N, C-alpha and C. Protein backbone atom coordinates (compact mmCIF):
# COMPACT_ATOMS: atom_id res chain seq x y z
N UNK A 1 196.48 243.27 40.06
CA UNK A 1 196.86 241.89 39.89
C UNK A 1 197.53 241.35 41.16
N UNK A 2 198.39 242.16 41.77
CA UNK A 2 199.09 241.75 42.98
C UNK A 2 198.10 241.53 44.13
N UNK A 3 197.04 242.36 44.19
CA UNK A 3 196.03 242.19 45.23
C UNK A 3 195.32 240.85 45.09
N UNK A 4 195.00 240.48 43.87
CA UNK A 4 194.34 239.20 43.63
C UNK A 4 195.24 238.04 44.05
N UNK A 5 196.52 238.16 43.78
CA UNK A 5 197.47 237.11 44.16
C UNK A 5 197.54 236.99 45.69
N UNK A 6 197.55 238.13 46.40
CA UNK A 6 197.57 238.11 47.86
C UNK A 6 196.30 237.46 48.41
N UNK A 7 195.18 237.76 47.79
CA UNK A 7 193.91 237.18 48.23
C UNK A 7 193.92 235.67 48.02
N UNK A 8 194.39 235.23 46.87
CA UNK A 8 194.45 233.79 46.58
C UNK A 8 195.41 233.09 47.53
N UNK A 9 196.61 233.64 47.70
CA UNK A 9 197.60 233.05 48.61
C UNK A 9 197.07 233.06 50.04
N UNK A 10 196.43 234.15 50.44
CA UNK A 10 195.84 234.23 51.78
C UNK A 10 194.74 233.19 51.97
N UNK A 11 193.88 233.04 50.95
CA UNK A 11 192.80 232.04 51.02
C UNK A 11 193.35 230.63 51.11
N UNK A 12 194.35 230.33 50.29
CA UNK A 12 194.98 229.01 50.33
C UNK A 12 195.63 228.80 51.70
N UNK A 13 196.27 229.83 52.22
CA UNK A 13 196.91 229.74 53.54
C UNK A 13 195.90 229.45 54.64
N UNK A 14 194.75 230.15 54.60
CA UNK A 14 193.70 229.93 55.60
C UNK A 14 193.18 228.50 55.51
N UNK A 15 192.91 228.04 54.29
CA UNK A 15 192.41 226.66 54.10
C UNK A 15 193.45 225.66 54.58
N UNK A 16 194.71 225.90 54.29
CA UNK A 16 195.78 225.01 54.71
C UNK A 16 195.89 224.95 56.24
N UNK A 17 195.86 226.11 56.88
CA UNK A 17 195.93 226.16 58.35
C UNK A 17 194.71 225.46 58.95
N UNK A 18 193.52 225.72 58.38
CA UNK A 18 192.31 225.05 58.87
C UNK A 18 192.45 223.54 58.69
N UNK A 19 192.93 223.10 57.55
CA UNK A 19 193.09 221.66 57.28
C UNK A 19 194.03 221.00 58.27
N UNK A 20 195.14 221.66 58.55
CA UNK A 20 196.10 221.11 59.51
C UNK A 20 195.49 221.06 60.91
N UNK A 21 194.82 222.12 61.32
CA UNK A 21 194.20 222.16 62.65
C UNK A 21 193.11 221.10 62.77
N UNK A 22 192.31 220.96 61.74
CA UNK A 22 191.24 219.96 61.77
C UNK A 22 191.81 218.55 61.80
N UNK A 23 192.83 218.31 60.99
CA UNK A 23 193.48 217.00 60.98
C UNK A 23 194.04 216.68 62.37
N UNK A 24 194.70 217.64 62.97
CA UNK A 24 195.26 217.43 64.31
C UNK A 24 194.17 217.17 65.34
N UNK A 25 193.03 217.81 65.19
CA UNK A 25 191.91 217.57 66.11
C UNK A 25 191.38 216.15 65.94
N UNK A 26 191.26 215.69 64.68
CA UNK A 26 190.85 214.30 64.44
C UNK A 26 191.83 213.33 65.11
N UNK A 27 193.11 213.58 64.93
CA UNK A 27 194.13 212.70 65.52
C UNK A 27 194.05 212.73 67.04
N UNK A 28 193.90 213.91 67.60
CA UNK A 28 193.80 214.05 69.05
C UNK A 28 192.60 213.28 69.60
N UNK A 29 191.45 213.42 68.96
CA UNK A 29 190.25 212.71 69.43
C UNK A 29 190.40 211.20 69.25
N UNK A 30 191.00 210.77 68.17
CA UNK A 30 191.21 209.33 67.94
C UNK A 30 192.13 208.77 69.04
N UNK A 31 193.18 209.49 69.37
CA UNK A 31 194.10 209.04 70.42
C UNK A 31 193.42 209.04 71.79
N UNK A 32 192.59 210.04 72.04
CA UNK A 32 191.84 210.06 73.30
C UNK A 32 190.90 208.87 73.39
N UNK A 33 190.31 208.48 72.26
CA UNK A 33 189.42 207.31 72.28
C UNK A 33 190.22 206.04 72.55
N UNK A 34 191.42 205.93 71.97
CA UNK A 34 192.28 204.77 72.25
C UNK A 34 192.66 204.73 73.72
N UNK A 35 192.97 205.89 74.28
CA UNK A 35 193.30 205.95 75.70
C UNK A 35 192.10 205.55 76.56
N UNK A 36 190.93 206.04 76.20
CA UNK A 36 189.73 205.69 76.97
C UNK A 36 189.47 204.19 76.88
N UNK A 37 189.66 203.61 75.70
CA UNK A 37 189.47 202.15 75.55
C UNK A 37 190.50 201.40 76.40
N UNK A 38 191.70 201.92 76.43
CA UNK A 38 192.75 201.31 77.24
C UNK A 38 192.38 201.35 78.72
N UNK A 39 191.76 202.44 79.16
CA UNK A 39 191.32 202.54 80.55
C UNK A 39 190.25 201.50 80.86
N UNK A 40 189.38 201.24 79.90
CA UNK A 40 188.38 200.18 80.08
C UNK A 40 189.10 198.85 80.26
N UNK A 41 190.07 198.58 79.40
CA UNK A 41 190.84 197.33 79.50
C UNK A 41 191.52 197.19 80.86
N UNK A 42 192.09 198.28 81.35
CA UNK A 42 192.76 198.25 82.65
C UNK A 42 191.78 197.85 83.74
N UNK A 43 190.59 198.43 83.72
CA UNK A 43 189.60 198.12 84.75
C UNK A 43 189.06 196.69 84.60
N UNK A 44 188.90 196.23 83.36
CA UNK A 44 188.45 194.85 83.15
C UNK A 44 189.51 193.87 83.66
N UNK A 45 190.77 194.18 83.44
CA UNK A 45 191.86 193.33 83.93
C UNK A 45 191.87 193.34 85.45
N UNK A 46 191.68 194.51 86.03
CA UNK A 46 191.64 194.62 87.50
C UNK A 46 190.52 193.75 88.05
N UNK A 47 189.39 193.82 87.40
CA UNK A 47 188.24 193.03 87.83
C UNK A 47 188.52 191.54 87.66
N UNK A 48 189.10 191.17 86.53
CA UNK A 48 189.42 189.77 86.28
C UNK A 48 190.41 189.24 87.32
N UNK A 49 191.31 190.08 87.79
CA UNK A 49 192.27 189.66 88.80
C UNK A 49 191.60 189.41 90.16
N UNK A 50 190.48 190.05 90.40
CA UNK A 50 189.76 189.85 91.66
C UNK A 50 188.92 188.57 91.66
N UNK A 51 188.53 188.13 90.48
CA UNK A 51 187.60 186.99 90.37
C UNK A 51 188.12 185.72 91.03
N UNK A 52 189.38 185.29 90.79
CA UNK A 52 189.83 184.04 91.44
C UNK A 52 189.72 184.10 92.97
N UNK A 53 190.04 185.24 93.56
CA UNK A 53 189.91 185.37 95.01
C UNK A 53 188.46 185.24 95.44
N UNK A 54 187.57 185.85 94.69
CA UNK A 54 186.15 185.76 95.01
C UNK A 54 185.67 184.32 94.90
N UNK A 55 186.03 183.66 93.81
CA UNK A 55 185.60 182.27 93.60
C UNK A 55 186.11 181.38 94.73
N UNK A 56 187.37 181.54 95.11
CA UNK A 56 187.93 180.72 96.19
C UNK A 56 187.25 181.00 97.52
N UNK A 57 186.92 182.24 97.77
CA UNK A 57 186.25 182.59 99.02
C UNK A 57 184.85 182.00 99.06
N UNK A 58 184.12 182.13 97.97
CA UNK A 58 182.74 181.63 97.92
C UNK A 58 182.72 180.10 97.90
N UNK A 59 183.69 179.50 97.24
CA UNK A 59 183.73 178.04 97.08
C UNK A 59 183.68 177.33 98.42
N UNK A 60 184.36 177.86 99.41
CA UNK A 60 184.38 177.23 100.71
C UNK A 60 183.04 177.24 101.42
N UNK A 61 182.19 178.19 101.09
CA UNK A 61 180.91 178.33 101.79
C UNK A 61 179.73 177.83 100.97
N UNK A 62 179.77 178.02 99.69
CA UNK A 62 178.59 177.81 98.85
C UNK A 62 178.83 176.68 97.85
N UNK A 63 178.86 175.46 98.34
CA UNK A 63 179.10 174.31 97.46
C UNK A 63 178.00 174.15 96.41
N UNK A 64 176.80 174.61 96.72
CA UNK A 64 175.66 174.45 95.80
C UNK A 64 175.74 175.40 94.61
N UNK A 65 176.63 176.35 94.64
CA UNK A 65 176.73 177.35 93.57
C UNK A 65 177.87 177.04 92.62
N UNK A 66 178.21 175.76 92.50
CA UNK A 66 179.36 175.36 91.69
C UNK A 66 179.22 175.80 90.23
N UNK A 67 178.03 175.64 89.65
CA UNK A 67 177.85 176.01 88.23
C UNK A 67 178.03 177.51 88.03
N UNK A 68 177.56 178.31 88.97
CA UNK A 68 177.73 179.76 88.87
C UNK A 68 179.20 180.13 88.96
N UNK A 69 179.92 179.48 89.87
CA UNK A 69 181.34 179.76 90.02
C UNK A 69 182.13 179.35 88.77
N UNK A 70 181.74 178.22 88.17
CA UNK A 70 182.40 177.79 86.93
C UNK A 70 182.13 178.78 85.81
N UNK A 71 180.90 179.27 85.74
CA UNK A 71 180.54 180.25 84.71
C UNK A 71 181.36 181.53 84.89
N UNK A 72 181.52 181.96 86.12
CA UNK A 72 182.31 183.16 86.40
C UNK A 72 183.76 182.95 85.95
N UNK A 73 184.31 181.77 86.22
CA UNK A 73 185.69 181.49 85.81
C UNK A 73 185.83 181.49 84.29
N UNK A 74 184.84 180.94 83.58
CA UNK A 74 184.87 180.93 82.11
C UNK A 74 184.81 182.36 81.56
N UNK A 75 183.93 183.16 82.10
CA UNK A 75 183.80 184.54 81.63
C UNK A 75 185.06 185.34 81.93
N UNK A 76 185.68 185.06 83.05
CA UNK A 76 186.93 185.75 83.39
C UNK A 76 187.99 185.47 82.33
N UNK A 77 188.10 184.21 81.91
CA UNK A 77 189.12 183.89 80.91
C UNK A 77 188.82 184.57 79.58
N UNK A 78 187.55 184.74 79.23
CA UNK A 78 187.20 185.46 77.99
C UNK A 78 187.57 186.93 78.09
N UNK A 79 187.41 187.50 79.27
CA UNK A 79 187.77 188.91 79.46
C UNK A 79 189.27 189.10 79.33
N UNK A 80 190.03 188.17 79.86
CA UNK A 80 191.49 188.29 79.84
C UNK A 80 192.06 188.00 78.45
N UNK A 81 191.50 187.00 77.75
CA UNK A 81 192.12 186.52 76.51
C UNK A 81 191.40 186.92 75.24
N UNK A 82 190.18 187.42 75.31
CA UNK A 82 189.37 187.65 74.12
C UNK A 82 189.71 188.92 73.36
N UNK A 83 189.07 189.04 72.20
CA UNK A 83 189.15 190.25 71.39
C UNK A 83 188.32 191.34 72.06
N UNK A 84 188.52 192.62 71.69
CA UNK A 84 187.80 193.71 72.37
C UNK A 84 186.28 193.52 72.42
N UNK A 85 185.65 193.20 71.31
CA UNK A 85 184.20 193.01 71.33
C UNK A 85 183.78 191.84 72.19
N UNK A 86 184.55 190.76 72.12
CA UNK A 86 184.27 189.58 72.92
C UNK A 86 184.46 189.88 74.41
N UNK A 87 185.47 190.68 74.73
CA UNK A 87 185.72 191.05 76.13
C UNK A 87 184.55 191.85 76.69
N UNK A 88 184.02 192.79 75.90
CA UNK A 88 182.90 193.60 76.39
C UNK A 88 181.67 192.73 76.60
N UNK A 89 181.41 191.79 75.68
CA UNK A 89 180.26 190.89 75.83
C UNK A 89 180.44 190.02 77.07
N UNK A 90 181.65 189.48 77.27
CA UNK A 90 181.92 188.67 78.45
C UNK A 90 181.80 189.50 79.72
N UNK A 91 182.24 190.75 79.67
CA UNK A 91 182.13 191.64 80.81
C UNK A 91 180.66 191.86 81.18
N UNK A 92 179.82 192.06 80.18
CA UNK A 92 178.39 192.26 80.45
C UNK A 92 177.77 191.02 81.08
N UNK A 93 178.12 189.84 80.56
CA UNK A 93 177.61 188.60 81.14
C UNK A 93 178.15 188.39 82.56
N UNK A 94 179.41 188.73 82.75
CA UNK A 94 180.01 188.57 84.07
C UNK A 94 179.31 189.48 85.09
N UNK A 95 178.97 190.67 84.70
CA UNK A 95 178.26 191.59 85.60
C UNK A 95 176.95 190.97 86.06
N UNK A 96 176.20 190.42 85.11
CA UNK A 96 174.92 189.80 85.46
C UNK A 96 175.12 188.57 86.35
N UNK A 97 176.14 187.78 86.04
CA UNK A 97 176.39 186.57 86.82
C UNK A 97 176.82 186.93 88.24
N UNK A 98 177.65 187.95 88.37
CA UNK A 98 178.08 188.37 89.71
C UNK A 98 176.90 188.91 90.52
N UNK A 99 176.00 189.63 89.86
CA UNK A 99 174.82 190.13 90.57
C UNK A 99 173.99 188.97 91.10
N UNK A 100 173.83 187.94 90.28
CA UNK A 100 173.05 186.78 90.74
C UNK A 100 173.79 186.06 91.86
N UNK A 101 175.12 185.98 91.78
CA UNK A 101 175.89 185.35 92.84
C UNK A 101 175.74 186.13 94.14
N UNK A 102 175.84 187.45 94.07
CA UNK A 102 175.71 188.25 95.28
C UNK A 102 174.30 188.15 95.87
N UNK A 103 173.31 187.94 95.02
CA UNK A 103 171.95 187.74 95.52
C UNK A 103 171.84 186.40 96.25
N UNK A 104 172.49 185.37 95.71
CA UNK A 104 172.45 184.04 96.32
C UNK A 104 173.22 184.02 97.64
N UNK A 105 174.24 184.85 97.74
CA UNK A 105 175.07 184.90 98.95
C UNK A 105 174.23 185.22 100.18
N UNK A 106 173.10 185.87 99.97
CA UNK A 106 172.22 186.19 101.09
C UNK A 106 171.80 184.92 101.84
N UNK A 107 171.84 183.77 101.17
CA UNK A 107 171.46 182.50 101.80
C UNK A 107 172.59 181.92 102.66
N UNK A 108 173.74 182.55 102.66
CA UNK A 108 174.90 182.04 103.39
C UNK A 108 175.40 183.09 104.38
N UNK A 109 174.81 183.12 105.59
CA UNK A 109 175.17 184.16 106.57
C UNK A 109 176.66 184.16 106.94
N UNK A 110 177.28 182.97 107.00
CA UNK A 110 178.70 182.92 107.35
C UNK A 110 179.54 183.61 106.28
N UNK A 111 179.14 183.43 105.02
CA UNK A 111 179.87 184.05 103.92
C UNK A 111 179.68 185.56 103.93
N UNK A 112 178.44 185.99 104.22
CA UNK A 112 178.17 187.43 104.28
C UNK A 112 179.00 188.11 105.36
N UNK A 113 179.35 187.36 106.39
CA UNK A 113 180.12 187.92 107.50
C UNK A 113 181.64 187.80 107.28
N UNK A 114 182.06 187.07 106.27
CA UNK A 114 183.48 186.86 106.00
C UNK A 114 184.13 188.16 105.54
N UNK A 115 185.18 188.58 106.25
CA UNK A 115 185.83 189.86 105.93
C UNK A 115 186.44 189.86 104.54
N UNK A 116 187.04 188.74 104.14
CA UNK A 116 187.62 188.67 102.79
C UNK A 116 186.54 188.85 101.72
N UNK A 117 185.42 188.18 101.93
CA UNK A 117 184.33 188.29 100.96
C UNK A 117 183.80 189.72 100.90
N UNK A 118 183.61 190.32 102.05
CA UNK A 118 183.11 191.70 102.07
C UNK A 118 184.07 192.66 101.39
N UNK A 119 185.37 192.46 101.62
CA UNK A 119 186.37 193.33 100.97
C UNK A 119 186.36 193.12 99.46
N UNK A 120 186.26 191.85 99.03
CA UNK A 120 186.21 191.56 97.59
C UNK A 120 184.95 192.14 96.97
N UNK A 121 183.84 192.01 97.67
CA UNK A 121 182.57 192.54 97.16
C UNK A 121 182.67 194.06 97.00
N UNK A 122 183.25 194.72 97.97
CA UNK A 122 183.42 196.17 97.90
C UNK A 122 184.37 196.56 96.76
N UNK A 123 185.45 195.81 96.62
CA UNK A 123 186.42 196.08 95.56
C UNK A 123 185.80 195.87 94.18
N UNK A 124 185.00 194.82 94.04
CA UNK A 124 184.31 194.58 92.76
C UNK A 124 183.31 195.69 92.45
N UNK A 125 182.59 196.14 93.47
CA UNK A 125 181.64 197.24 93.25
C UNK A 125 182.38 198.50 92.82
N UNK A 126 183.52 198.76 93.45
CA UNK A 126 184.33 199.92 93.07
C UNK A 126 184.82 199.78 91.63
N UNK A 127 185.24 198.59 91.27
CA UNK A 127 185.72 198.35 89.90
C UNK A 127 184.58 198.49 88.90
N UNK A 128 183.39 198.03 89.26
CA UNK A 128 182.22 198.20 88.38
C UNK A 128 182.00 199.68 88.09
N UNK A 129 182.11 200.49 89.13
CA UNK A 129 181.95 201.94 88.95
C UNK A 129 183.02 202.51 88.04
N UNK A 130 184.24 202.02 88.19
CA UNK A 130 185.34 202.49 87.34
C UNK A 130 185.13 202.08 85.89
N UNK A 131 184.64 200.87 85.68
CA UNK A 131 184.35 200.42 84.31
C UNK A 131 183.27 201.31 83.70
N UNK A 132 182.23 201.58 84.47
CA UNK A 132 181.15 202.44 83.97
C UNK A 132 181.67 203.83 83.63
N UNK A 133 182.53 204.37 84.48
CA UNK A 133 183.10 205.69 84.22
C UNK A 133 183.97 205.67 82.97
N UNK A 134 184.78 204.63 82.82
CA UNK A 134 185.66 204.51 81.65
C UNK A 134 184.84 204.36 80.37
N UNK A 135 183.74 203.61 80.45
CA UNK A 135 182.86 203.47 79.28
C UNK A 135 182.26 204.81 78.91
N UNK A 136 181.85 205.56 79.92
CA UNK A 136 181.28 206.89 79.66
C UNK A 136 182.32 207.81 79.04
N UNK A 137 183.55 207.77 79.55
CA UNK A 137 184.62 208.61 78.99
C UNK A 137 184.87 208.24 77.53
N UNK A 138 184.88 206.95 77.23
CA UNK A 138 185.08 206.51 75.85
C UNK A 138 183.94 207.02 74.96
N UNK A 139 182.71 206.85 75.42
CA UNK A 139 181.57 207.29 74.62
C UNK A 139 181.55 208.81 74.44
N UNK A 140 182.01 209.56 75.45
CA UNK A 140 182.09 211.02 75.32
C UNK A 140 183.06 211.42 74.22
N UNK A 141 184.23 210.81 74.20
CA UNK A 141 185.22 211.12 73.17
C UNK A 141 184.72 210.65 71.80
N UNK A 142 184.08 209.50 71.78
CA UNK A 142 183.52 208.98 70.53
C UNK A 142 182.48 209.94 69.98
N UNK A 143 181.66 210.49 70.86
CA UNK A 143 180.66 211.47 70.44
C UNK A 143 181.32 212.68 69.78
N UNK A 144 182.35 213.21 70.43
CA UNK A 144 183.05 214.38 69.87
C UNK A 144 183.66 214.07 68.51
N UNK A 145 184.31 212.93 68.41
CA UNK A 145 184.96 212.53 67.16
C UNK A 145 183.92 212.33 66.05
N UNK A 146 182.87 211.57 66.35
CA UNK A 146 181.85 211.29 65.34
C UNK A 146 181.10 212.54 64.92
N UNK A 147 180.85 213.44 65.86
CA UNK A 147 180.18 214.70 65.54
C UNK A 147 181.05 215.54 64.62
N UNK A 148 182.32 215.60 64.93
CA UNK A 148 183.24 216.35 64.08
C UNK A 148 183.32 215.72 62.68
N UNK A 149 183.28 214.41 62.64
CA UNK A 149 183.37 213.69 61.37
C UNK A 149 182.13 213.93 60.50
N UNK A 150 181.00 214.23 61.13
CA UNK A 150 179.75 214.42 60.39
C UNK A 150 179.41 215.89 60.16
N UNK A 151 180.11 216.80 60.82
CA UNK A 151 179.80 218.23 60.74
C UNK A 151 180.57 218.91 59.62
N UNK A 152 179.88 219.84 58.96
CA UNK A 152 180.54 220.63 57.92
C UNK A 152 181.32 221.74 58.59
N UNK A 153 182.48 222.07 58.18
CA UNK A 153 183.25 221.64 57.03
C UNK A 153 184.25 220.52 57.33
N UNK A 154 184.34 220.10 58.63
CA UNK A 154 185.34 219.07 58.95
C UNK A 154 185.03 217.73 58.30
N UNK A 155 183.75 217.50 57.95
CA UNK A 155 183.41 216.25 57.28
C UNK A 155 184.07 216.15 55.91
N UNK A 156 184.34 217.29 55.27
CA UNK A 156 185.01 217.28 53.97
C UNK A 156 186.40 216.67 54.12
N UNK A 157 187.14 217.14 55.12
CA UNK A 157 188.48 216.60 55.36
C UNK A 157 188.40 215.14 55.81
N UNK A 158 187.43 214.84 56.65
CA UNK A 158 187.24 213.45 57.10
C UNK A 158 187.00 212.51 55.95
N UNK A 159 186.17 212.95 54.99
CA UNK A 159 185.92 212.12 53.80
C UNK A 159 187.16 211.98 52.94
N UNK A 160 187.91 213.06 52.78
CA UNK A 160 189.15 213.00 52.00
C UNK A 160 190.16 212.03 52.62
N UNK A 161 190.17 211.96 53.94
CA UNK A 161 191.10 211.08 54.65
C UNK A 161 190.53 209.69 54.89
N UNK A 162 189.30 209.44 54.43
CA UNK A 162 188.62 208.14 54.62
C UNK A 162 188.54 207.74 56.09
N UNK A 163 188.22 208.69 56.94
CA UNK A 163 188.08 208.41 58.36
C UNK A 163 186.72 207.77 58.63
N UNK A 164 186.71 206.75 59.45
CA UNK A 164 185.48 206.06 59.80
C UNK A 164 185.02 206.49 61.18
N UNK A 165 183.71 206.49 61.41
CA UNK A 165 183.22 206.80 62.76
C UNK A 165 183.63 205.70 63.74
N UNK A 166 183.75 206.08 64.99
CA UNK A 166 184.08 205.12 66.04
C UNK A 166 182.80 204.50 66.58
N UNK A 167 182.85 203.24 67.00
CA UNK A 167 181.64 202.61 67.56
C UNK A 167 181.43 203.05 69.02
N UNK A 168 180.19 203.18 69.39
CA UNK A 168 179.85 203.46 70.78
C UNK A 168 179.79 202.15 71.55
N UNK A 169 180.00 202.23 72.84
CA UNK A 169 179.74 201.09 73.71
C UNK A 169 178.32 201.28 74.20
N UNK A 170 177.45 200.36 73.82
CA UNK A 170 176.04 200.48 74.18
C UNK A 170 175.63 199.32 75.07
N UNK A 171 174.65 199.57 75.90
CA UNK A 171 174.10 198.51 76.72
C UNK A 171 173.33 197.56 75.82
N UNK A 172 173.53 196.26 76.05
CA UNK A 172 172.79 195.30 75.25
C UNK A 172 171.40 195.09 75.84
N UNK A 173 170.59 194.30 75.17
CA UNK A 173 169.20 194.10 75.60
C UNK A 173 169.12 193.53 77.01
N UNK A 174 170.01 192.60 77.33
CA UNK A 174 169.98 191.99 78.66
C UNK A 174 170.29 193.00 79.76
N UNK A 175 171.19 193.93 79.48
CA UNK A 175 171.54 194.95 80.47
C UNK A 175 170.38 195.92 80.70
N UNK A 176 169.55 196.10 79.68
CA UNK A 176 168.43 197.03 79.79
C UNK A 176 167.23 196.42 80.50
N UNK A 177 167.23 195.08 80.63
CA UNK A 177 166.11 194.42 81.28
C UNK A 177 166.07 194.77 82.76
N UNK A 178 164.87 194.87 83.28
CA UNK A 178 164.69 195.13 84.70
C UNK A 178 164.90 193.82 85.44
N UNK A 179 165.74 193.85 86.46
CA UNK A 179 166.01 192.65 87.25
C UNK A 179 164.90 192.49 88.29
N UNK A 180 164.28 191.32 88.31
CA UNK A 180 163.24 191.03 89.29
C UNK A 180 163.87 190.39 90.51
N UNK A 181 163.62 190.96 91.65
CA UNK A 181 164.11 190.40 92.90
C UNK A 181 162.92 189.87 93.67
N UNK A 182 162.98 188.57 93.96
CA UNK A 182 161.88 187.95 94.70
C UNK A 182 162.28 187.78 96.16
N UNK A 183 161.40 188.19 97.03
CA UNK A 183 161.67 188.06 98.47
C UNK A 183 160.81 186.99 99.08
């Protein structure tokens, strides 16, 4: 009888330790995803801070691009003030708008030679890379969390705790389109 009691207590102990470890892993992954999302926000803010300087630099040279510059300013304000989903959508549109602006800049040789513009362009490209890296880091943690949430036996605890899967950051249809460059 004592052996059976030890087996039951041992089994309950193992399940309890597993439950605590699994719960802590869920919490750790959730916090890592929040941190990764925060890193995306930091890079979007950094990028938004560069936009006014870019607009002012381009404004002096490219008077014909006023509508593009206004669009960039509008998207910047959405990135700074919007909700997370709205910020990501505005970020995607801003990326496309900046690409078109940089393509148009080819028509303005004085602007292409401007040191401030070149530095801003390089800084924006660097920030774009950082945003892409932060998005990848977020999606990597999201993958780990969601896989754990769907895998047996951790899914049992996940269901008991009513944990929801995290959303991935995915490229939208416009980002997947091939950009045509006409020469």
